[in-house]
Amino acid sequence: MRFVLRRLGLFLVTLWAALTINFLIPRLMPGNEATAVLSHFKGVNPAALHALEVEFGVGTDQNILVSYIQYLGNCLTGQFGLDSARVPVMTTILKGLPWTLGLVGMATILAFGIGTLLGIVSAWRRGGKLDSLLSPLLFILTTFPVFFIALLLLYVFGVTLGWFPLSANYSVGETPSLTIPFVLDVLGHAVLPGLTLVITTSGGWIYTMRNNMVTTLSEDYVRMARAKGLSSWRIMLDYSARNAILPNLTGFAMQLGFILGGSILVEYTFSYPGLGYLFFTGTTNHDLPLQAALFLFYTLAVLVCVLLADFATAWLDPRTRDA
């Protein structure tokens, strides 16, 4: 119970710090948010500028403590104002969230699963073909820029072979529904961006898991399991892999948190309307309410996933509960 309370306390303090930083940064920068939003317009009406200043809480005589309290209240209730299209920010975010969860979420889980499994087998059969060829190849691919892999896949499978669509989340003219043709159309559009993410991230998980497994295989309890005559599968999975995967859980949790931010480069390259693409367009349009809301959304996602990883680690390894 003490472990749970410590972790929850740390979670709340970190979340409060993130909220405070998000509140202070725009107010400490030169100029103000209203001027930034209207900077690409000519002949701005002073009344419009004043209205935006009131909405953002800048350029007015309002007490900063009062503004801070109102800001915290708005964050707790999900009231982040209107975006550049005068649509509620939360409405805009909730439209892009399912696409990011479906694409980047599944790709990250697949990359972690593939990388972890191949890392376990590579360490168990060190020096074999898998360890000598496939693992280094995937690791080399992770060093390539994400946009390079994306453009290469687009050219080969989209332009040259014409197997998959080049952009968007579904075909123009299609009506979203739960029918089989529409689902297949969505999956077809997700193949290339999803494959890009799997290729560029699985190599890192392979090497991390392999190194953890190599260290674990030299432990005394693994030698004892061998001496007891346990099967190779049980030693590899129950004794070695279960302990070797523990350091990866926190990293995987952080990666899951970043899923909600989407992979900006991938979503932009494929014009995929997830949160990453939304953040890019919000930046180019000086949509500060949208940027601030997405920042808090990403922060909360990472914190929640790391908290769950701490609980999972404590459940798998009771020794960590005293840390």
Protein backbone atom coordinates (compact mmCIF):
# COMPACT_ATOMS: atom_id res chain seq x y z
CA MET A 1 0.00 0.00 0.00
CA ARG A 2 2.85 2.36 0.82
CA PHE A 3 4.35 1.69 -2.62
CA VAL A 4 1.05 2.59 -4.32
CA LEU A 5 0.70 5.82 -2.32
CA ARG A 6 4.27 6.89 -3.13
CA ARG A 7 3.76 6.31 -6.82
CA LEU A 8 0.42 8.13 -6.84
CA GLY A 9 1.95 11.07 -4.96
CA LEU A 10 4.80 11.30 -7.47
CA PHE A 11 2.27 11.10 -10.31
CA LEU A 12 0.23 14.02 -8.93
CA VAL A 13 3.29 16.20 -8.26
CA THR A 14 4.64 15.60 -11.77
CA LEU A 15 1.26 16.33 -13.32
CA TRP A 16 0.96 19.57 -11.35
CA ALA A 17 4.46 20.61 -12.49
CA ALA A 18 3.55 19.94 -16.13
CA LEU A 19 0.34 21.96 -15.81
CA THR A 20 2.22 24.86 -14.25
CA ILE A 21 4.94 24.87 -16.92
CA ASN A 22 2.28 24.81 -19.63
CA PHE A 23 0.64 27.83 -17.99
CA LEU A 24 3.84 29.85 -17.53
CA ILE A 25 5.65 29.32 -20.85
CA PRO A 26 3.25 31.35 -23.06
CA ARG A 27 3.17 34.15 -20.48
CA LEU A 28 6.97 34.33 -20.18
CA MET A 29 7.60 34.51 -23.92
CA PRO A 30 7.86 37.90 -25.68
CA GLY A 31 4.60 39.18 -27.13
CA ASN A 32 1.40 37.31 -26.43
CA GLU A 33 -0.67 34.44 -27.79
CA ALA A 34 -3.28 36.66 -29.43
CA THR A 35 -0.65 38.50 -31.48
CA ALA A 36 0.88 35.17 -32.57
CA VAL A 37 -2.49 33.82 -33.70
CA LEU A 38 -3.29 36.95 -35.74
CA SER A 39 0.25 37.50 -37.06
CA HIS A 40 -0.52 36.05 -40.51
CA PHE A 41 -3.53 38.32 -41.03
CA LYS A 42 -3.41 41.87 -42.41
CA GLY A 43 -5.41 44.76 -41.05
CA VAL A 44 -6.49 43.03 -37.84
CA ASN A 45 -9.47 44.59 -36.09
CA PRO A 46 -8.39 45.88 -32.63
CA ALA A 47 -11.63 44.50 -31.19
CA ALA A 48 -10.74 41.02 -32.45
CA LEU A 49 -7.27 41.30 -30.93
CA HIS A 50 -8.71 42.38 -27.57
CA ALA A 51 -11.23 39.52 -27.65
CA LEU A 52 -8.44 36.99 -28.15
CA GLU A 53 -6.37 38.57 -25.38
CA VAL A 54 -9.29 38.19 -23.00
CA GLU A 55 -9.78 34.57 -24.09
CA PHE A 56 -6.10 33.71 -23.58
CA GLY A 57 -5.79 35.76 -20.39
CA VAL A 58 -2.92 37.91 -21.71
CA GLY A 59 -2.57 41.62 -22.31
CA THR A 60 -5.09 42.33 -19.57
CA ASP A 61 -4.90 43.49 -15.98
CA GLN A 62 -6.21 40.18 -14.63
CA ASN A 63 -4.27 38.89 -11.61
CA ILE A 64 -1.97 36.03 -12.63
CA LEU A 65 -3.02 33.96 -9.61
CA VAL A 66 -6.67 34.26 -10.63
CA SER A 67 -5.72 33.30 -14.20
CA TYR A 68 -3.79 30.29 -12.87
CA ILE A 69 -6.72 29.06 -10.78
CA GLN A 70 -9.08 29.47 -13.74
CA TYR A 71 -6.59 27.64 -15.94
CA LEU A 72 -6.41 24.67 -13.54
CA GLY A 73 -10.20 24.57 -13.40
CA ASN A 74 -10.44 24.56 -17.19
CA CYS A 75 -7.90 21.72 -17.39
CA LEU A 76 -9.84 19.62 -14.89
CA THR A 77 -13.07 20.12 -16.81
CA GLY A 78 -11.55 19.78 -20.28
CA GLN A 79 -12.38 23.35 -21.28
CA PHE A 80 -9.42 24.33 -23.48
CA GLY A 81 -11.20 26.95 -25.57
CA LEU A 82 -11.63 27.05 -29.34
CA ASP A 83 -9.11 26.19 -32.03
CA SER A 84 -8.36 28.29 -35.11
CA ALA A 85 -11.49 26.93 -36.82
CA ARG A 86 -13.58 28.10 -33.82
CA VAL A 87 -14.32 24.49 -32.87
CA PRO A 88 -13.90 23.27 -29.25
CA VAL A 89 -10.39 21.94 -28.83
CA MET A 90 -11.51 18.73 -27.13
CA THR A 91 -13.84 18.00 -30.05
CA THR A 92 -10.92 18.34 -32.48
CA ILE A 93 -8.68 16.10 -30.35
CA LEU A 94 -11.31 13.39 -29.94
CA LYS A 95 -11.72 13.24 -33.74
CA GLY A 96 -8.03 12.46 -34.24
CA LEU A 97 -7.56 10.21 -31.20
CA PRO A 98 -9.12 6.98 -32.62
CA TRP A 99 -6.94 7.12 -35.74
CA THR A 100 -3.76 7.54 -33.71
CA LEU A 101 -4.71 4.76 -31.30
CA GLY A 102 -5.51 2.43 -34.18
CA LEU A 103 -2.43 3.15 -36.29
CA VAL A 104 0.41 4.09 -33.96
CA GLY A 105 -0.93 2.05 -31.05
CA MET A 106 -1.10 -1.23 -32.91
CA ALA A 107 2.22 -0.58 -34.69
CA THR A 108 3.98 0.08 -31.38
CA ILE A 109 2.53 -3.01 -29.73
CA LEU A 110 3.52 -5.13 -32.75
CA ALA A 111 7.05 -3.68 -32.76
CA PHE A 112 7.45 -4.36 -29.04
CA GLY A 113 6.10 -7.90 -29.35
CA ILE A 114 8.24 -8.74 -32.40
CA GLY A 115 11.34 -7.11 -30.94
CA THR A 116 10.93 -8.80 -27.55
CA LEU A 117 10.34 -12.26 -29.06
CA LEU A 118 13.28 -11.99 -31.46
CA GLY A 119 15.48 -10.63 -28.67
CA ILE A 120 14.63 -13.62 -26.45
CA VAL A 121 15.39 -16.13 -29.21
CA SER A 122 18.58 -14.30 -30.28
CA ALA A 123 19.97 -14.38 -26.74
CA TRP A 124 18.95 -17.99 -26.21
CA ARG A 125 20.64 -19.04 -29.46
CA ARG A 126 23.59 -16.69 -29.52
CA GLY A 127 25.70 -16.98 -32.63
CA GLY A 128 22.91 -18.54 -34.68
CA LYS A 129 21.53 -17.26 -37.98
CA LEU A 130 18.84 -15.16 -36.34
CA ASP A 131 21.31 -13.55 -33.98
CA SER A 132 23.89 -12.96 -36.71
CA LEU A 133 21.71 -11.69 -39.56
CA LEU A 134 18.17 -10.57 -38.74
CA SER A 135 18.82 -8.73 -35.48
CA PRO A 136 21.66 -6.55 -36.86
CA LEU A 137 19.65 -5.85 -40.02
CA LEU A 138 16.62 -4.58 -38.09
CA PHE A 139 18.86 -2.57 -35.79
CA ILE A 140 20.52 -0.89 -38.80
CA LEU A 141 17.10 0.01 -40.19
CA THR A 142 16.25 1.82 -36.95
CA THR A 143 19.13 4.24 -37.61
CA PHE A 144 17.51 5.48 -40.83
CA PRO A 145 15.32 8.58 -40.55
CA VAL A 146 11.63 7.77 -40.23
CA PHE A 147 10.69 9.92 -43.21
CA PHE A 148 13.27 8.11 -45.39
CA ILE A 149 11.74 4.70 -44.67
CA ALA A 150 8.26 6.17 -45.19
CA LEU A 151 9.15 7.68 -48.58
CA LEU A 152 10.90 4.47 -49.65
CA LEU A 153 7.83 2.37 -48.83
CA LEU A 154 5.61 4.90 -50.57
CA TYR A 155 7.69 4.75 -53.73
CA VAL A 156 8.01 0.94 -53.86
CA PHE A 157 4.60 -0.24 -52.68
CA GLY A 158 2.49 2.81 -53.45
CA VAL A 159 3.86 4.37 -56.64
CA THR A 160 5.74 1.53 -58.37
CA LEU A 161 3.65 -1.50 -57.43
CA GLY A 162 0.41 0.32 -56.60
CA TRP A 163 -0.45 -2.15 -53.86
CA PHE A 164 -1.43 0.39 -51.20
CA PRO A 165 -2.86 3.95 -51.11
CA LEU A 166 -0.45 6.86 -50.82
CA SER A 167 -2.19 8.96 -48.17
CA ALA A 168 -5.21 9.62 -45.95
CA ASN A 169 -7.03 7.21 -43.64
CA TYR A 170 -9.67 6.02 -46.10
CA SER A 171 -10.62 6.59 -49.73
CA VAL A 172 -12.31 9.78 -50.89
CA GLY A 173 -16.06 9.30 -51.19
CA GLU A 174 -16.24 6.47 -48.65
CA THR A 175 -18.71 6.87 -45.78
CA PRO A 176 -17.38 5.72 -42.38
CA SER A 177 -19.23 2.60 -41.25
CA LEU A 178 -18.64 -0.80 -39.67
CA THR A 179 -19.00 -2.63 -42.96
CA ILE A 180 -16.33 -5.06 -44.16
CA PRO A 181 -15.41 -3.04 -47.31
CA PHE A 182 -14.84 0.13 -45.28
CA VAL A 183 -12.80 -1.70 -42.63
CA LEU A 184 -10.62 -3.26 -45.32
CA ASP A 185 -10.19 0.17 -46.93
CA VAL A 186 -9.03 1.65 -43.60
CA LEU A 187 -6.62 -1.24 -43.03
CA GLY A 188 -5.19 -0.80 -46.53
CA HIS A 189 -4.47 2.85 -45.84
CA ALA A 190 -2.81 1.96 -42.52
CA VAL A 191 -0.41 -0.69 -43.85
CA LEU A 192 2.40 1.58 -45.09
CA PRO A 193 2.47 4.04 -42.14
CA GLY A 194 2.15 1.13 -39.70
CA LEU A 195 4.94 -0.81 -41.41
CA THR A 196 7.14 2.29 -41.24
CA LEU A 197 6.71 2.47 -37.48
CA VAL A 198 7.33 -1.24 -36.98
CA ILE A 199 10.52 -1.20 -39.06
CA THR A 200 11.97 1.88 -37.35
CA THR A 201 11.26 0.79 -33.77
CA SER A 202 11.46 -3.01 -33.54
CA GLY A 203 15.26 -3.12 -33.87
CA GLY A 204 15.77 -1.17 -30.66
CA TRP A 205 13.53 -3.55 -28.72
CA ILE A 206 15.44 -6.55 -30.11
CA TYR A 207 18.80 -5.34 -28.87
CA THR A 208 17.48 -4.18 -25.52
CA MET A 209 15.76 -7.49 -24.84
CA ARG A 210 18.73 -9.48 -26.12
CA ASN A 211 21.16 -7.69 -23.80
CA ASN A 212 18.83 -8.11 -20.84
CA MET A 213 18.46 -11.81 -21.62
CA VAL A 214 22.21 -12.35 -21.91
CA THR A 215 22.68 -10.82 -18.46
CA THR A 216 19.82 -12.85 -16.98
CA LEU A 217 21.06 -16.15 -18.42
CA SER A 218 24.24 -15.83 -16.35
CA GLU A 219 22.33 -15.55 -13.05
CA ASP A 220 22.53 -18.29 -10.42
CA TYR A 221 18.81 -19.08 -10.47
CA VAL A 222 19.05 -19.90 -14.19
CA ARG A 223 21.95 -22.27 -13.52
CA MET A 224 19.91 -23.86 -10.76
CA ALA A 225 16.99 -24.34 -13.15
CA ARG A 226 19.30 -26.07 -15.62
CA ALA A 227 20.70 -28.29 -12.87
CA LYS A 228 17.16 -29.31 -11.86
CA GLY A 229 16.60 -30.56 -15.39
CA LEU A 230 13.77 -28.17 -16.31
CA SER A 231 12.78 -27.92 -19.96
CA SER A 232 14.49 -25.36 -22.17
CA TRP A 233 11.21 -23.59 -22.91
CA ARG A 234 10.45 -23.15 -19.21
CA ILE A 235 13.93 -21.86 -18.44
CA MET A 236 13.82 -19.45 -21.38
CA LEU A 237 10.36 -18.04 -20.66
CA ASP A 238 9.64 -18.42 -16.94
CA TYR A 239 13.12 -17.93 -15.51
CA SER A 240 14.97 -15.77 -18.04
CA ALA A 241 12.49 -13.79 -20.16
CA ARG A 242 10.19 -12.92 -17.26
CA ASN A 243 13.04 -11.20 -15.43
CA ALA A 244 14.74 -9.78 -18.50
CA ILE A 245 11.60 -8.00 -19.68
CA LEU A 246 11.19 -5.97 -16.47
CA PRO A 247 13.55 -3.11 -17.47
CA ASN A 248 11.70 -2.84 -20.78
CA LEU A 249 8.29 -2.30 -19.22
CA THR A 250 8.92 1.32 -18.27
CA GLY A 251 10.34 2.08 -21.71
CA PHE A 252 7.36 0.42 -23.34
CA ALA A 253 4.98 2.36 -21.10
CA MET A 254 6.60 5.64 -22.11
CA GLN A 255 6.36 4.59 -25.74
CA LEU A 256 2.66 3.84 -25.26
CA GLY A 257 2.23 7.29 -23.80
CA PHE A 258 3.84 8.86 -26.82
CA ILE A 259 1.38 6.92 -28.99
CA LEU A 260 -1.28 9.45 -28.09
CA GLY A 261 0.96 12.13 -29.53
CA GLY A 262 1.23 10.11 -32.66
CA SER A 263 4.32 9.93 -34.81
CA ILE A 264 4.34 13.41 -36.29
CA LEU A 265 6.65 12.60 -39.20
CA VAL A 266 4.80 9.44 -40.18
CA GLU A 267 1.34 10.97 -39.95
CA TYR A 268 2.48 14.06 -41.85
CA THR A 269 4.19 12.05 -44.60
CA PHE A 270 1.09 9.92 -45.17
CA SER A 271 -1.38 12.77 -44.44
CA TYR A 272 -2.90 10.54 -41.78
CA PRO A 273 -5.33 12.59 -39.64
CA GLY A 274 -4.15 11.54 -36.18
CA LEU A 275 -2.92 13.60 -33.24
CA GLY A 276 0.60 13.91 -34.67
CA TYR A 277 -0.72 15.46 -37.88
CA LEU A 278 -3.04 17.61 -35.78
CA PHE A 279 -0.13 18.91 -33.72
CA PHE A 280 1.81 19.77 -36.88
CA THR A 281 -1.08 21.72 -38.40
CA GLY A 282 -1.73 23.42 -35.07
CA THR A 283 1.89 24.59 -34.98
CA THR A 284 1.89 25.92 -38.53
CA ASN A 285 -1.44 27.71 -37.92
CA HIS A 286 -0.30 29.24 -34.61
CA ASP A 287 -3.18 27.42 -32.94
CA LEU A 288 -1.97 27.89 -29.37
CA PRO A 289 -5.04 26.55 -27.52
CA LEU A 290 -4.79 23.34 -29.52
CA GLN A 291 -1.03 23.05 -28.92
CA ALA A 292 -1.43 23.60 -25.17
CA ALA A 293 -4.20 20.99 -24.94
CA LEU A 294 -2.20 18.44 -26.91
CA PHE A 295 0.86 19.04 -24.72
CA LEU A 296 -1.18 18.28 -21.61
CA PHE A 297 -2.76 15.30 -23.32
CA TYR A 298 0.66 13.83 -24.18
CA THR A 299 2.00 14.49 -20.68
CA LEU A 300 -0.96 12.85 -18.98
CA ALA A 301 -0.74 9.85 -21.30
CA VAL A 302 2.95 9.27 -20.54
CA LEU A 303 2.45 9.71 -16.78
CA VAL A 304 -0.48 7.28 -16.66
CA CYS A 305 1.37 4.65 -18.71
CA VAL A 306 4.51 4.93 -16.56
CA LEU A 307 2.38 4.63 -13.41
CA LEU A 308 0.76 1.46 -14.75
CA ALA A 309 4.22 0.11 -15.67
CA ASP A 310 5.39 0.70 -12.09
CA PHE A 311 2.43 -1.28 -10.79
CA ALA A 312 3.05 -4.07 -13.32
CA THR A 313 6.74 -4.24 -12.39
CA ALA A 314 5.89 -4.42 -8.68
CA TRP A 315 3.46 -7.26 -9.42
CA LEU A 316 5.99 -9.23 -11.49
CA ASP A 317 8.96 -8.55 -9.19
CA PRO A 318 8.00 -7.98 -5.50
CA ARG A 319 11.55 -6.77 -4.76
CA THR A 320 10.81 -3.47 -6.47
CA ARG A 321 8.08 -2.63 -3.96
CA ASP A 322 10.73 -1.56 -1.46
CA ALA A 323 12.39 0.84 -3.94
